Amino acid sequence: MLAFENVTKSFGGRPAVDDVSLEVPAGQTMALIGSSGCGKSTLMRMLVGLETPDRGTVSVHGIPVESSTLPEIRSRIGYVIQEGGLFPHLTARENVALAVQPHGWSEARIDERLMILVELTHFPPDGLDRYPGELSGGQRQRVSLMRGLLADPEALLMDEPFGALDPMVRFELQREFRDIVRSTNKTALIVTHDLAEAGYLGDQVALMDEGRVVQCGPFRELMGAPASDFVRRFIEAQRSPEDEVAS
């Protein structure tokens, strides 16, 4: 379980996260959604110690996120960011292997796990020895996903992982991600600004505004029973031109 209890984080005196309490049950996926600057990425970064809350408690499977627990917590979490965050001077194989560098895995163990992930993510095996600049956007994102999964973590964090991709590639990766998470029973938190993506990937959807969670629950509940005028406006703003023409 990933948990936030009365968490607040401010930058320059302005709250980025404002008294948030939220839980992601083990084995479920939560989509964290909202406009740019609403605090969703800051909230996620607290789970891996990249940001420290001013108040409140952040925990991963019951372990509070503190300086003394960070090595253990980071070993139990895979973290995937937009554009993959790959090092251009390293091959795909070397980028993936970075995930277990602190743990002293042998090359044989890494290669064995890589072959499983290549099949799981539908990545071309001959692409492992290419550099990021020689890969397509979708392939780079698969490399990032493999890196996040290499150590077989209990939880997976995804920060806008598909936003910069071609729509066809994005849908393919969304489907693969959902299948992977369900088949491996991972606990996952995905940050997105796309309502359709949140509904497709999340067992639960948490909508944020100005640092607060304004509604959390199943996607159908969010769509069918908006909790406030802001939630209704957010849903309306995500309607496509085709929806407007049809109505």
C-alpha atoms as a PDB file:
ATOM      1  CA  MET A   1       0.000   0.000   0.000  1.00  0.00           C
ATOM      2  CA  LEU A   2       1.115   3.555  -0.779  1.00  0.00           C
ATOM      3  CA  ALA A   3      -0.162   6.054   1.771  1.00  0.00           C
ATOM      4  CA  PHE A   4      -0.194   9.793   2.416  1.00  0.00           C
ATOM      5  CA  GLU A   5      -1.479  11.043   5.760  1.00  0.00           C
ATOM      6  CA  ASN A   6      -2.191  14.775   6.156  1.00  0.00           C
ATOM      7  CA  VAL A   7       0.723  15.624   3.878  1.00  0.00           C
ATOM      8  CA  THR A   8       1.644  19.238   3.140  1.00  0.00           C
ATOM      9  CA  LYS A   9       4.497  20.573   1.007  1.00  0.00           C
ATOM     10  CA  SER A  10       5.126  24.238   0.197  1.00  0.00           C
ATOM     11  CA  PHE A  11       7.522  26.015  -2.147  1.00  0.00           C
ATOM     12  CA  GLY A  12       8.205  29.695  -1.535  1.00  0.00           C
ATOM     13  CA  GLY A  13       5.398  29.843   0.988  1.00  0.00           C
ATOM     14  CA  ARG A  14       2.826  28.465  -1.454  1.00  0.00           C
ATOM     15  CA  PRO A  15       1.380  24.979  -0.805  1.00  0.00           C
ATOM     16  CA  ALA A  16       2.012  22.568  -3.692  1.00  0.00           C
ATOM     17  CA  VAL A  17       0.392  19.780  -1.675  1.00  0.00           C
ATOM     18  CA  ASP A  18      -2.118  20.868   0.956  1.00  0.00           C
ATOM     19  CA  ASP A  19      -3.130  18.423   3.734  1.00  0.00           C
ATOM     20  CA  VAL A  20      -3.557  15.398   1.462  1.00  0.00           C
ATOM     21  CA  SER A  21      -4.603  11.998   2.819  1.00  0.00           C
ATOM     22  CA  LEU A  22      -4.706   9.251   0.219  1.00  0.00           C
ATOM     23  CA  GLU A  23      -4.182   5.482   0.004  1.00  0.00           C
ATOM     24  CA  VAL A  24      -3.388   3.203  -2.935  1.00  0.00           C
ATOM     25  CA  PRO A  25      -4.337  -0.345  -1.855  1.00  0.00           C
ATOM     26  CA  ALA A  26      -1.874  -3.149  -2.565  1.00  0.00           C
ATOM     27  CA  GLY A  27      -2.405  -4.683  -5.982  1.00  0.00           C
ATOM     28  CA  GLN A  28      -4.416  -1.745  -7.336  1.00  0.00           C
ATOM     29  CA  THR A  29      -3.663   1.094  -9.739  1.00  0.00           C
ATOM     30  CA  MET A  30      -4.556   4.675  -8.888  1.00  0.00           C
ATOM     31  CA  ALA A  31      -4.491   7.396 -11.509  1.00  0.00           C
ATOM     32  CA  LEU A  32      -3.605  10.806 -10.091  1.00  0.00           C
ATOM     33  CA  ILE A  33      -5.006  13.473 -12.380  1.00  0.00           C
ATOM     34  CA  GLY A  34      -5.292  17.234 -12.515  1.00  0.00           C
ATOM     35  CA  SER A  35      -4.163  20.388 -14.264  1.00  0.00           C
ATOM     36  CA  SER A  36      -0.487  21.359 -14.505  1.00  0.00           C
ATOM     37  CA  GLY A  37       0.801  22.645 -11.180  1.00  0.00           C
ATOM     38  CA  CYS A  38      -1.902  20.983  -9.071  1.00  0.00           C
ATOM     39  CA  GLY A  39       0.657  19.037  -7.004  1.00  0.00           C
ATOM     40  CA  LYS A  40       0.316  15.508  -8.420  1.00  0.00           C
ATOM     41  CA  SER A  41       3.972  15.051  -9.409  1.00  0.00           C
ATOM     42  CA  THR A  42       5.150  16.553  -6.106  1.00  0.00           C
ATOM     43  CA  LEU A  43       3.000  14.024  -4.269  1.00  0.00           C
ATOM     44  CA  MET A  44       4.519  11.144  -6.254  1.00  0.00           C
ATOM     45  CA  ARG A  45       8.091  12.380  -5.762  1.00  0.00           C
ATOM     46  CA  MET A  46       7.593  12.177  -1.992  1.00  0.00           C
ATOM     47  CA  LEU A  47       7.229   8.406  -2.258  1.00  0.00           C
ATOM     48  CA  VAL A  48      10.857   8.048  -3.380  1.00  0.00           C
ATOM     49  CA  GLY A  49      12.298  10.813  -1.224  1.00  0.00           C
ATOM     50  CA  LEU A  50      12.836  13.328  -4.025  1.00  0.00           C
ATOM     51  CA  GLU A  51      10.685  15.750  -2.032  1.00  0.00           C
ATOM     52  CA  THR A  52      10.222  15.835   1.735  1.00  0.00           C
ATOM     53  CA  PRO A  53       6.862  16.830   3.225  1.00  0.00           C
ATOM     54  CA  ASP A  54       6.732  19.819   5.555  1.00  0.00           C
ATOM     55  CA  ARG A  55       4.059  18.022   7.564  1.00  0.00           C
ATOM     56  CA  GLY A  56       2.405  14.623   7.502  1.00  0.00           C
ATOM     57  CA  THR A  57       3.549  11.071   6.820  1.00  0.00           C
ATOM     58  CA  VAL A  58       4.298   9.243   3.565  1.00  0.00           C
ATOM     59  CA  SER A  59       4.658   5.453   3.698  1.00  0.00           C
ATOM     60  CA  VAL A  60       5.264   2.520   1.352  1.00  0.00           C
ATOM     61  CA  HIS A  61       3.805  -0.812   2.457  1.00  0.00           C
ATOM     62  CA  GLY A  62       3.750   0.443   6.044  1.00  0.00           C
ATOM     63  CA  ILE A  63       7.321   1.803   6.051  1.00  0.00           C
ATOM     64  CA  PRO A  64       7.540   5.596   6.619  1.00  0.00           C
ATOM     65  CA  VAL A  65       9.585   7.384   3.953  1.00  0.00           C
ATOM     66  CA  GLU A  66      12.553   8.781   5.870  1.00  0.00           C
ATOM     67  CA  SER A  67      16.246   9.226   5.153  1.00  0.00           C
ATOM     68  CA  SER A  68      17.043   6.015   7.041  1.00  0.00           C
ATOM     69  CA  THR A  69      14.489   3.943   5.113  1.00  0.00           C
ATOM     70  CA  LEU A  70      15.053   5.347   1.619  1.00  0.00           C
ATOM     71  CA  PRO A  71      17.457   2.616   0.397  1.00  0.00           C
ATOM     72  CA  GLU A  72      14.948  -0.109   1.276  1.00  0.00           C
ATOM     73  CA  ILE A  73      11.975   1.810  -0.100  1.00  0.00           C
ATOM     74  CA  ARG A  74      13.696   2.626  -3.379  1.00  0.00           C
ATOM     75  CA  SER A  75      14.558  -1.049  -3.817  1.00  0.00           C
ATOM     76  CA  ARG A  76      10.837  -1.852  -3.605  1.00  0.00           C
ATOM     77  CA  ILE A  77       9.657   0.796  -6.091  1.00  0.00           C
ATOM     78  CA  GLY A  78      10.054   1.170  -9.845  1.00  0.00           C
ATOM     79  CA  TYR A  79       9.925   4.776 -11.100  1.00  0.00           C
ATOM     80  CA  VAL A  80       9.154   5.665 -14.724  1.00  0.00           C
ATOM     81  CA  ILE A  81       9.066   9.251 -16.015  1.00  0.00           C
ATOM     82  CA  GLN A  82       7.992  11.001 -19.216  1.00  0.00           C
ATOM     83  CA  GLU A  83      10.425  10.584 -22.117  1.00  0.00           C
ATOM     84  CA  GLY A  84      12.013   7.711 -20.204  1.00  0.00           C
ATOM     85  CA  GLY A  85      14.815   9.687 -18.537  1.00  0.00           C
ATOM     86  CA  LEU A  86      17.416   7.619 -20.390  1.00  0.00           C
ATOM     87  CA  PHE A  87      21.130   8.436 -20.495  1.00  0.00           C
ATOM     88  CA  PRO A  88      22.033   9.063 -24.171  1.00  0.00           C
ATOM     89  CA  HIS A  89      25.584   7.727 -23.841  1.00  0.00           C
ATOM     90  CA  LEU A  90      24.395   4.326 -22.538  1.00  0.00           C
ATOM     91  CA  THR A  91      22.788   1.545 -24.565  1.00  0.00           C
ATOM     92  CA  ALA A  92      19.266   0.396 -23.773  1.00  0.00           C
ATOM     93  CA  ARG A  93      20.716  -2.611 -21.938  1.00  0.00           C
ATOM     94  CA  GLU A  94      23.009  -0.388 -19.854  1.00  0.00           C
ATOM     95  CA  ASN A  95      20.179   2.039 -19.060  1.00  0.00           C
ATOM     96  CA  VAL A  96      17.986  -0.785 -17.796  1.00  0.00           C
ATOM     97  CA  ALA A  97      20.806  -2.340 -15.751  1.00  0.00           C
ATOM     98  CA  LEU A  98      21.233   0.913 -13.777  1.00  0.00           C
ATOM     99  CA  ALA A  99      18.173  -0.084 -11.730  1.00  0.00           C
ATOM    100  CA  VAL A 100      20.087  -2.873  -9.992  1.00  0.00           C
ATOM    101  CA  GLN A 101      23.572  -1.387  -9.969  1.00  0.00           C
ATOM    102  CA  PRO A 102      23.440  -0.729  -6.185  1.00  0.00           C
ATOM    103  CA  HIS A 103      22.382  -4.332  -5.567  1.00  0.00           C
ATOM    104  CA  GLY A 104      25.336  -6.077  -7.179  1.00  0.00           C
ATOM    105  CA  TRP A 105      23.430  -8.243  -9.641  1.00  0.00           C
ATOM    106  CA  SER A 106      25.567 -10.430 -11.902  1.00  0.00           C
ATOM    107  CA  GLU A 107      25.428  -9.972 -15.681  1.00  0.00           C
ATOM    108  CA  ALA A 108      23.854 -13.416 -16.012  1.00  0.00           C
ATOM    109  CA  ARG A 109      21.045 -12.503 -13.613  1.00  0.00           C
ATOM    110  CA  ILE A 110      20.449  -9.190 -15.393  1.00  0.00           C
ATOM    111  CA  ASP A 111      20.337 -10.901 -18.806  1.00  0.00           C
ATOM    112  CA  GLU A 112      17.903 -13.537 -17.533  1.00  0.00           C
ATOM    113  CA  ARG A 113      15.548 -10.895 -16.176  1.00  0.00           C
ATOM    114  CA  LEU A 114      15.967  -8.751 -19.311  1.00  0.00           C
ATOM    115  CA  MET A 115      14.784 -11.566 -21.561  1.00  0.00           C
ATOM    116  CA  ILE A 116      11.605 -11.846 -19.501  1.00  0.00           C
ATOM    117  CA  LEU A 117      11.003  -8.088 -19.734  1.00  0.00           C
ATOM    118  CA  VAL A 118      11.746  -7.924 -23.471  1.00  0.00           C
ATOM    119  CA  GLU A 119       8.916 -10.394 -24.012  1.00  0.00           C
ATOM    120  CA  LEU A 120       6.644  -8.717 -21.474  1.00  0.00           C
ATOM    121  CA  THR A 121       7.027  -5.240 -23.036  1.00  0.00           C
ATOM    122  CA  HIS A 122       7.252  -6.412 -26.676  1.00  0.00           C
ATOM    123  CA  PHE A 123      10.634  -4.748 -27.091  1.00  0.00           C
ATOM    124  CA  PRO A 124      12.850  -5.952 -29.984  1.00  0.00           C
ATOM    125  CA  PRO A 125      15.780  -7.951 -28.470  1.00  0.00           C
ATOM    126  CA  ASP A 126      18.240  -6.460 -30.959  1.00  0.00           C
ATOM    127  CA  GLY A 127      17.320  -3.010 -29.643  1.00  0.00           C
ATOM    128  CA  LEU A 128      19.028  -3.662 -26.312  1.00  0.00           C
ATOM    129  CA  ASP A 129      22.423  -2.759 -27.757  1.00  0.00           C
ATOM    130  CA  ARG A 130      21.223   0.457 -29.396  1.00  0.00           C
ATOM    131  CA  TYR A 131      21.517   3.926 -27.910  1.00  0.00           C
ATOM    132  CA  PRO A 132      18.383   5.962 -27.028  1.00  0.00           C
ATOM    133  CA  GLY A 133      18.896   8.195 -30.092  1.00  0.00           C
ATOM    134  CA  GLU A 134      18.608   5.105 -32.287  1.00  0.00           C
ATOM    135  CA  LEU A 135      15.253   4.093 -30.810  1.00  0.00           C
ATOM    136  CA  SER A 136      11.731   5.345 -31.463  1.00  0.00           C
ATOM    137  CA  GLY A 137       9.790   7.195 -28.773  1.00  0.00           C
ATOM    138  CA  GLY A 138       7.749   4.103 -27.998  1.00  0.00           C
ATOM    139  CA  GLN A 139      10.868   1.963 -27.749  1.00  0.00           C
ATOM    140  CA  ARG A 140      12.538   4.452 -25.396  1.00  0.00           C
ATOM    141  CA  GLN A 141       9.475   4.363 -23.161  1.00  0.00           C
ATOM    142  CA  ARG A 142       9.602   0.559 -23.154  1.00  0.00           C
ATOM    143  CA  VAL A 143      13.243   0.744 -22.048  1.00  0.00           C
ATOM    144  CA  SER A 144      12.219   3.020 -19.185  1.00  0.00           C
ATOM    145  CA  LEU A 145       9.428   0.621 -18.242  1.00  0.00           C
ATOM    146  CA  MET A 146      11.859  -2.325 -18.289  1.00  0.00           C
ATOM    147  CA  ARG A 147      14.207  -0.362 -16.021  1.00  0.00           C
ATOM    148  CA  GLY A 148      11.335   0.266 -13.616  1.00  0.00           C
ATOM    149  CA  LEU A 149      10.451  -3.440 -13.591  1.00  0.00           C
ATOM    150  CA  LEU A 150      13.944  -4.966 -13.613  1.00  0.00           C
ATOM    151  CA  ALA A 151      14.217  -5.539  -9.854  1.00  0.00           C
ATOM    152  CA  ASP A 152      10.625  -6.868  -9.766  1.00  0.00           C
ATOM    153  CA  PRO A 153       9.473  -4.087  -7.411  1.00  0.00           C
ATOM    154  CA  GLU A 154       6.304  -4.311  -5.366  1.00  0.00           C
ATOM    155  CA  ALA A 155       5.119  -0.893  -6.547  1.00  0.00           C
ATOM    156  CA  LEU A 156       5.436   1.062  -9.781  1.00  0.00           C
ATOM    157  CA  LEU A 157       5.297   4.860 -10.114  1.00  0.00           C
ATOM    158  CA  MET A 158       4.608   6.391 -13.541  1.00  0.00           C
ATOM    159  CA  ASP A 159       4.864  10.169 -14.002  1.00  0.00           C
ATOM    160  CA  GLU A 160       3.240  11.256 -17.300  1.00  0.00           C
ATOM    161  CA  PRO A 161       4.811   8.243 -19.050  1.00  0.00           C
ATOM    162  CA  PHE A 162       2.846   8.349 -22.295  1.00  0.00           C
ATOM    163  CA  GLY A 163       2.062  12.041 -22.802  1.00  0.00           C
ATOM    164  CA  ALA A 164       4.641  12.829 -25.508  1.00  0.00           C
ATOM    165  CA  LEU A 165       3.923   9.808 -27.695  1.00  0.00           C
ATOM    166  CA  ASP A 166       2.049   9.388 -30.951  1.00  0.00           C
ATOM    167  CA  PRO A 167      -1.609   8.435 -30.200  1.00  0.00           C
ATOM    168  CA  MET A 168      -1.280   4.963 -31.750  1.00  0.00           C
ATOM    169  CA  VAL A 169       1.912   4.202 -29.809  1.00  0.00           C
ATOM    170  CA  ARG A 170       0.419   5.701 -26.657  1.00  0.00           C
ATOM    171  CA  PHE A 171      -2.617   3.414 -26.795  1.00  0.00           C
ATOM    172  CA  GLU A 172      -0.442   0.356 -27.433  1.00  0.00           C
ATOM    173  CA  LEU A 173       1.752   1.155 -24.424  1.00  0.00           C
ATOM    174  CA  GLN A 174      -1.251   1.942 -22.220  1.00  0.00           C
ATOM    175  CA  ARG A 175      -2.696  -1.471 -23.009  1.00  0.00           C
ATOM    176  CA  GLU A 176       0.625  -3.217 -22.361  1.00  0.00           C
ATOM    177  CA  PHE A 177       1.127  -1.347 -19.087  1.00  0.00           C
ATOM    178  CA  ARG A 178      -2.347  -2.304 -17.876  1.00  0.00           C
ATOM    179  CA  ASP A 179      -1.786  -5.949 -18.797  1.00  0.00           C
ATOM    180  CA  ILE A 180       1.627  -6.002 -17.090  1.00  0.00           C
ATOM    181  CA  VAL A 181       0.349  -4.470 -13.857  1.00  0.00           C
ATOM    182  CA  ARG A 182      -2.625  -6.811 -13.698  1.00  0.00           C
ATOM    183  CA  SER A 183      -0.661  -9.951 -14.550  1.00  0.00           C
ATOM    184  CA  THR A 184       2.068  -9.176 -11.987  1.00  0.00           C
ATOM    185  CA  ASN A 185      -0.276  -7.825  -9.279  1.00  0.00           C
ATOM    186  CA  LYS A 186       1.739  -4.616  -8.863  1.00  0.00           C
ATOM    187  CA  THR A 187       0.621  -1.662  -6.811  1.00  0.00           C
ATOM    188  CA  ALA A 188       0.810   1.318  -9.170  1.00  0.00           C
ATOM    189  CA  LEU A 189       0.403   5.083  -9.070  1.00  0.00           C
ATOM    190  CA  ILE A 190       0.268   6.896 -12.407  1.00  0.00           C
ATOM    191  CA  VAL A 191       0.283  10.667 -12.812  1.00  0.00           C
ATOM    192  CA  THR A 192      -1.528  11.976 -15.882  1.00  0.00           C
ATOM    193  CA  HIS A 193      -3.459  15.002 -17.123  1.00  0.00           C
ATOM    194  CA  ASP A 194      -5.541  12.854 -19.496  1.00  0.00           C
ATOM    195  CA  LEU A 195      -8.958  11.839 -18.147  1.00  0.00           C
ATOM    196  CA  ALA A 196      -9.449   8.996 -20.645  1.00  0.00           C
ATOM    197  CA  GLU A 197      -6.043   7.546 -19.742  1.00  0.00           C
ATOM    198  CA  ALA A 198      -6.892   7.774 -16.044  1.00  0.00           C
ATOM    199  CA  GLY A 199     -10.139   5.894 -16.601  1.00  0.00           C
ATOM    200  CA  TYR A 200      -8.495   3.229 -18.738  1.00  0.00           C
ATOM    201  CA  LEU A 201      -5.580   2.520 -16.391  1.00  0.00           C
ATOM    202  CA  GLY A 202      -6.867   3.273 -12.903  1.00  0.00           C
ATOM    203  CA  ASP A 203      -8.915   1.121 -10.557  1.00  0.00           C
ATOM    204  CA  GLN A 204      -9.347   4.414  -8.712  1.00  0.00           C
ATOM    205  CA  VAL A 205      -8.979   8.003  -9.942  1.00  0.00           C
ATOM    206  CA  ALA A 206      -7.927  10.876  -7.665  1.00  0.00           C
ATOM    207  CA  LEU A 207      -8.484  14.372  -9.058  1.00  0.00           C
ATOM    208  CA  MET A 208      -6.365  17.200  -7.611  1.00  0.00           C
ATOM    209  CA  ASP A 209      -6.790  20.962  -7.665  1.00  0.00           C
ATOM    210  CA  GLU A 210      -4.481  23.508  -6.039  1.00  0.00           C
ATOM    211  CA  GLY A 211      -2.721  20.899  -3.944  1.00  0.00           C
ATOM    212  CA  ARG A 212      -5.812  19.128  -2.662  1.00  0.00           C
ATOM    213  CA  VAL A 213      -7.618  15.932  -3.647  1.00  0.00           C
ATOM    214  CA  VAL A 214     -11.103  17.106  -4.604  1.00  0.00           C
ATOM    215  CA  GLN A 215     -12.558  13.712  -5.547  1.00  0.00           C
ATOM    216  CA  CYS A 216     -11.325  10.130  -5.335  1.00  0.00           C
ATOM    217  CA  GLY A 217     -13.061   6.940  -6.378  1.00  0.00           C
ATOM    218  CA  PRO A 218     -13.925   4.753  -9.369  1.00  0.00           C
ATOM    219  CA  PHE A 219     -13.847   6.458 -12.772  1.00  0.00           C
ATOM    220  CA  ARG A 220     -17.574   5.876 -13.331  1.00  0.00           C
ATOM    221  CA  GLU A 221     -18.340   7.636 -10.056  1.00  0.00           C
ATOM    222  CA  LEU A 222     -16.192  10.614 -11.036  1.00  0.00           C
ATOM    223  CA  MET A 223     -17.955  10.904 -14.387  1.00  0.00           C
ATOM    224  CA  GLY A 224     -21.466  10.178 -13.122  1.00  0.00           C
ATOM    225  CA  ALA A 225     -21.432  12.078  -9.840  1.00  0.00           C
ATOM    226  CA  PRO A 226     -18.947  14.988  -9.885  1.00  0.00           C
ATOM    227  CA  ALA A 227     -18.354  16.209  -6.330  1.00  0.00           C
ATOM    228  CA  SER A 228     -18.029  19.908  -7.188  1.00  0.00           C
ATOM    229  CA  ASP A 229     -18.254  22.554  -9.891  1.00  0.00           C
ATOM    230  CA  PHE A 230     -14.503  22.214 -10.449  1.00  0.00           C
ATOM    231  CA  VAL A 231     -14.830  18.473 -11.118  1.00  0.00           C
ATOM    232  CA  ARG A 232     -17.643  19.128 -13.609  1.00  0.00           C
ATOM    233  CA  ARG A 233     -15.595  21.828 -15.370  1.00  0.00           C
ATOM    234  CA  PHE A 234     -12.552  19.554 -15.507  1.00  0.00           C
ATOM    235  CA  ILE A 235     -14.605  16.798 -17.141  1.00  0.00           C
ATOM    236  CA  GLU A 236     -16.132  19.237 -19.622  1.00  0.00           C
ATOM    237  CA  ALA A 237     -12.710  20.604 -20.550  1.00  0.00           C
ATOM    238  CA  GLN A 238     -11.588  17.100 -21.508  1.00  0.00           C
ATOM    239  CA  ARG A 239     -14.381  16.520 -23.989  1.00  0.00           C
ATOM    240  CA  SER A 240     -13.212  16.035 -27.543  1.00  0.00           C
ATOM    241  CA  PRO A 241     -14.472  18.023 -30.572  1.00  0.00           C
ATOM    242  CA  GLU A 242     -16.245  14.851 -31.724  1.00  0.00           C
ATOM    243  CA  ASP A 243     -18.184  14.795 -28.436  1.00  0.00           C
ATOM    244  CA  GLU A 244     -19.244  18.399 -28.963  1.00  0.00           C
ATOM    245  CA  VAL A 245     -20.387  17.730 -32.538  1.00  0.00           C
ATOM    246  CA  ALA A 246     -22.286  14.619 -31.445  1.00  0.00           C
ATOM    247  CA  SER A 247     -24.109  16.576 -28.745  1.00  0.00           C
END
